[in-house]
Amino acid sequence: MDTLQASAGGERAFSTAIEGAVRSALRAAGWESEEGAGGTIWRNPIDLHWYDELRALAIQKAGLDPGSSDY
């Protein structure tokens, strides 16, 4: 295996680990996931709306009120 292949493999492993951590954090906070052709969406346990994974993580990490107009 050359250095480029090793680097790509390491990046994939890191990306997979990050995705797993994000999913674990959202699930632990009560978010529900749904898989689709466009990726994963997450249902907020507070407002019951669905958000893409990045928005869900931002809402969870910042403690934002999904009903506000701040984002």
N, C-alpha and C. Protein backbone atom coordinates (compact mmCIF):
# COMPACT_ATOMS: atom_id res chain seq x y z
N MET A 1 0.86 -1.18 0.00
CA MET A 1 0.00 0.00 0.00
C MET A 1 0.90 1.23 0.00
N ASP A 2 0.64 2.15 -0.90
CA ASP A 2 1.47 3.35 -0.93
C ASP A 2 0.91 4.40 0.04
N THR A 3 1.64 5.48 0.20
CA THR A 3 1.29 6.52 1.17
C THR A 3 -0.06 7.16 0.86
N LEU A 4 -0.36 7.38 -0.41
CA LEU A 4 -1.62 7.99 -0.79
C LEU A 4 -2.80 7.10 -0.40
N GLN A 5 -2.69 5.80 -0.64
CA GLN A 5 -3.76 4.87 -0.26
C GLN A 5 -3.93 4.81 1.25
N ALA A 6 -2.82 4.81 1.96
CA ALA A 6 -2.87 4.77 3.43
C ALA A 6 -3.54 6.03 3.96
N SER A 7 -3.22 7.17 3.36
CA SER A 7 -3.81 8.43 3.77
C SER A 7 -5.31 8.44 3.52
N ALA A 8 -5.72 7.97 2.35
CA ALA A 8 -7.14 7.93 2.03
C ALA A 8 -7.88 6.98 2.98
N GLY A 9 -7.28 5.85 3.30
CA GLY A 9 -7.90 4.92 4.24
C GLY A 9 -8.04 5.52 5.62
N GLY A 10 -7.02 6.25 6.05
CA GLY A 10 -7.07 6.92 7.35
C GLY A 10 -8.13 8.00 7.39
N GLU A 11 -8.27 8.74 6.29
CA GLU A 11 -9.29 9.79 6.22
C GLU A 11 -10.69 9.19 6.26
N ARG A 12 -10.89 8.07 5.57
CA ARG A 12 -12.20 7.40 5.60
C ARG A 12 -12.52 6.92 7.01
N ALA A 13 -11.54 6.35 7.68
CA ALA A 13 -11.75 5.85 9.04
C ALA A 13 -12.09 7.00 9.98
N PHE A 14 -11.39 8.12 9.83
CA PHE A 14 -11.65 9.30 10.65
C PHE A 14 -13.05 9.83 10.39
N SER A 15 -13.43 9.92 9.11
CA SER A 15 -14.75 10.40 8.73
C SER A 15 -15.84 9.50 9.30
N THR A 16 -15.64 8.20 9.22
CA THR A 16 -16.60 7.25 9.76
C THR A 16 -16.73 7.40 11.27
N ALA A 17 -15.62 7.61 11.94
CA ALA A 17 -15.64 7.79 13.40
C ALA A 17 -16.40 9.07 13.77
N ILE A 18 -16.18 10.14 13.02
CA ILE A 18 -16.88 11.40 13.28
C ILE A 18 -18.38 11.23 13.07
N GLU A 19 -18.75 10.59 11.96
CA GLU A 19 -20.17 10.36 11.69
C GLU A 19 -20.81 9.54 12.81
N GLY A 20 -20.11 8.54 13.29
CA GLY A 20 -20.62 7.73 14.38
C GLY A 20 -20.81 8.53 15.64
N ALA A 21 -19.86 9.41 15.93
CA ALA A 21 -19.96 10.26 17.12
C ALA A 21 -21.13 11.23 17.02
N VAL A 22 -21.33 11.80 15.83
CA VAL A 22 -22.45 12.73 15.61
C VAL A 22 -23.76 11.99 15.82
N ARG A 23 -23.88 10.82 15.21
CA ARG A 23 -25.11 10.04 15.34
C ARG A 23 -25.36 9.65 16.79
N SER A 24 -24.33 9.25 17.49
CA SER A 24 -24.47 8.86 18.90
C SER A 24 -24.93 10.04 19.75
N ALA A 25 -24.35 11.20 19.51
CA ALA A 25 -24.71 12.40 20.28
C ALA A 25 -26.16 12.79 20.04
N LEU A 26 -26.58 12.77 18.78
CA LEU A 26 -27.96 13.13 18.47
C LEU A 26 -28.94 12.11 19.06
N ARG A 27 -28.64 10.84 18.91
CA ARG A 27 -29.53 9.81 19.46
C ARG A 27 -29.62 9.91 20.98
N ALA A 28 -28.49 10.16 21.63
CA ALA A 28 -28.47 10.28 23.09
C ALA A 28 -29.34 11.45 23.57
N ALA A 29 -29.46 12.47 22.72
CA ALA A 29 -30.27 13.64 23.07
C ALA A 29 -31.73 13.47 22.66
N GLY A 30 -32.07 12.29 22.12
CA GLY A 30 -33.46 12.01 21.79
C GLY A 30 -33.85 12.26 20.34
N TRP A 31 -32.89 12.62 19.50
CA TRP A 31 -33.19 12.82 18.09
C TRP A 31 -33.42 11.47 17.42
N GLU A 32 -34.33 11.43 16.45
CA GLU A 32 -34.67 10.22 15.70
C GLU A 32 -34.17 10.39 14.26
N SER A 33 -33.51 9.38 13.73
CA SER A 33 -32.98 9.49 12.36
C SER A 33 -33.85 8.75 11.37
N GLU A 34 -33.78 9.22 10.13
CA GLU A 34 -34.46 8.58 9.01
C GLU A 34 -33.52 8.64 7.82
N GLU A 35 -33.27 7.48 7.22
CA GLU A 35 -32.37 7.41 6.07
C GLU A 35 -33.17 7.55 4.79
N GLY A 36 -32.59 8.26 3.82
CA GLY A 36 -33.23 8.40 2.52
C GLY A 36 -32.19 8.51 1.43
N ALA A 37 -32.65 8.66 0.20
CA ALA A 37 -31.74 8.75 -0.94
C ALA A 37 -30.82 9.97 -0.83
N GLY A 38 -31.28 11.03 -0.21
CA GLY A 38 -30.49 12.25 -0.08
C GLY A 38 -29.61 12.29 1.16
N GLY A 39 -29.65 11.25 1.97
CA GLY A 39 -28.85 11.21 3.19
C GLY A 39 -29.74 11.02 4.41
N THR A 40 -29.19 11.36 5.55
CA THR A 40 -29.90 11.17 6.82
C THR A 40 -30.54 12.48 7.24
N ILE A 41 -31.78 12.41 7.71
CA ILE A 41 -32.43 13.55 8.32
C ILE A 41 -32.75 13.18 9.76
N TRP A 42 -32.88 14.19 10.59
CA TRP A 42 -33.07 13.98 12.02
C TRP A 42 -34.30 14.73 12.53
N ARG A 43 -35.09 14.06 13.35
CA ARG A 43 -36.28 14.67 13.94
C ARG A 43 -35.96 15.18 15.33
N ASN A 44 -36.18 16.47 15.50
CA ASN A 44 -35.92 17.12 16.78
C ASN A 44 -36.98 16.68 17.79
N PRO A 45 -36.56 16.20 18.96
CA PRO A 45 -37.54 15.74 19.95
C PRO A 45 -38.36 16.87 20.58
N ILE A 46 -37.91 18.10 20.40
CA ILE A 46 -38.62 19.24 21.01
C ILE A 46 -39.71 19.77 20.08
N ASP A 47 -39.33 20.09 18.83
CA ASP A 47 -40.31 20.69 17.92
C ASP A 47 -40.87 19.70 16.90
N LEU A 48 -40.33 18.47 16.87
CA LEU A 48 -40.76 17.39 16.00
C LEU A 48 -40.56 17.68 14.50
N HIS A 49 -39.77 18.70 14.17
CA HIS A 49 -39.44 18.98 12.78
C HIS A 49 -38.20 18.17 12.38
N TRP A 50 -38.05 17.98 11.07
CA TRP A 50 -36.93 17.22 10.53
C TRP A 50 -35.87 18.17 10.00
N TYR A 51 -34.59 17.85 10.26
CA TYR A 51 -33.46 18.67 9.84
C TYR A 51 -32.39 17.79 9.22
N ASP A 52 -31.61 18.38 8.30
CA ASP A 52 -30.46 17.62 7.78
C ASP A 52 -29.45 17.45 8.91
N GLU A 53 -28.52 16.55 8.72
CA GLU A 53 -27.61 16.17 9.80
C GLU A 53 -26.79 17.34 10.33
N LEU A 54 -26.28 18.18 9.46
CA LEU A 54 -25.47 19.32 9.92
C LEU A 54 -26.30 20.32 10.71
N ARG A 55 -27.52 20.61 10.25
CA ARG A 55 -28.38 21.54 10.97
C ARG A 55 -28.77 20.94 12.32
N ALA A 56 -29.08 19.65 12.35
CA ALA A 56 -29.45 19.00 13.61
C ALA A 56 -28.32 19.08 14.61
N LEU A 57 -27.11 18.81 14.15
CA LEU A 57 -25.96 18.88 15.05
C LEU A 57 -25.75 20.30 15.56
N ALA A 58 -25.89 21.29 14.68
CA ALA A 58 -25.73 22.68 15.09
C ALA A 58 -26.77 23.06 16.13
N ILE A 59 -28.01 22.65 15.91
CA ILE A 59 -29.08 22.95 16.87
C ILE A 59 -28.77 22.30 18.21
N GLN A 60 -28.37 21.04 18.17
CA GLN A 60 -28.08 20.31 19.40
C GLN A 60 -26.90 20.92 20.15
N LYS A 61 -25.82 21.18 19.44
CA LYS A 61 -24.61 21.69 20.10
C LYS A 61 -24.79 23.09 20.65
N ALA A 62 -25.53 23.93 19.94
CA ALA A 62 -25.70 25.31 20.37
C ALA A 62 -26.89 25.49 21.32
N GLY A 63 -27.70 24.46 21.44
CA GLY A 63 -28.88 24.57 22.28
C GLY A 63 -29.88 25.56 21.72
N LEU A 64 -29.89 25.68 20.39
CA LEU A 64 -30.78 26.65 19.74
C LEU A 64 -32.23 26.20 19.81
N ASP A 65 -33.11 27.17 19.91
CA ASP A 65 -34.54 26.90 19.84
C ASP A 65 -34.90 26.80 18.36
N PRO A 66 -35.30 25.63 17.87
CA PRO A 66 -35.61 25.47 16.46
C PRO A 66 -36.74 26.36 15.97
N GLY A 67 -37.54 26.87 16.87
CA GLY A 67 -38.64 27.74 16.47
C GLY A 67 -38.23 29.19 16.29
N SER A 68 -36.99 29.51 16.66
CA SER A 68 -36.56 30.90 16.55
C SER A 68 -36.14 31.22 15.13
N SER A 69 -36.01 32.48 14.83
CA SER A 69 -35.63 32.90 13.48
C SER A 69 -34.14 33.28 13.42
N ASP A 70 -33.35 32.82 14.37
CA ASP A 70 -31.95 33.19 14.44
C ASP A 70 -31.08 32.45 13.45
N TYR A 71 -31.60 31.46 12.72
CA TYR A 71 -30.80 30.72 11.76
C TYR A 71 -31.56 30.36 10.55
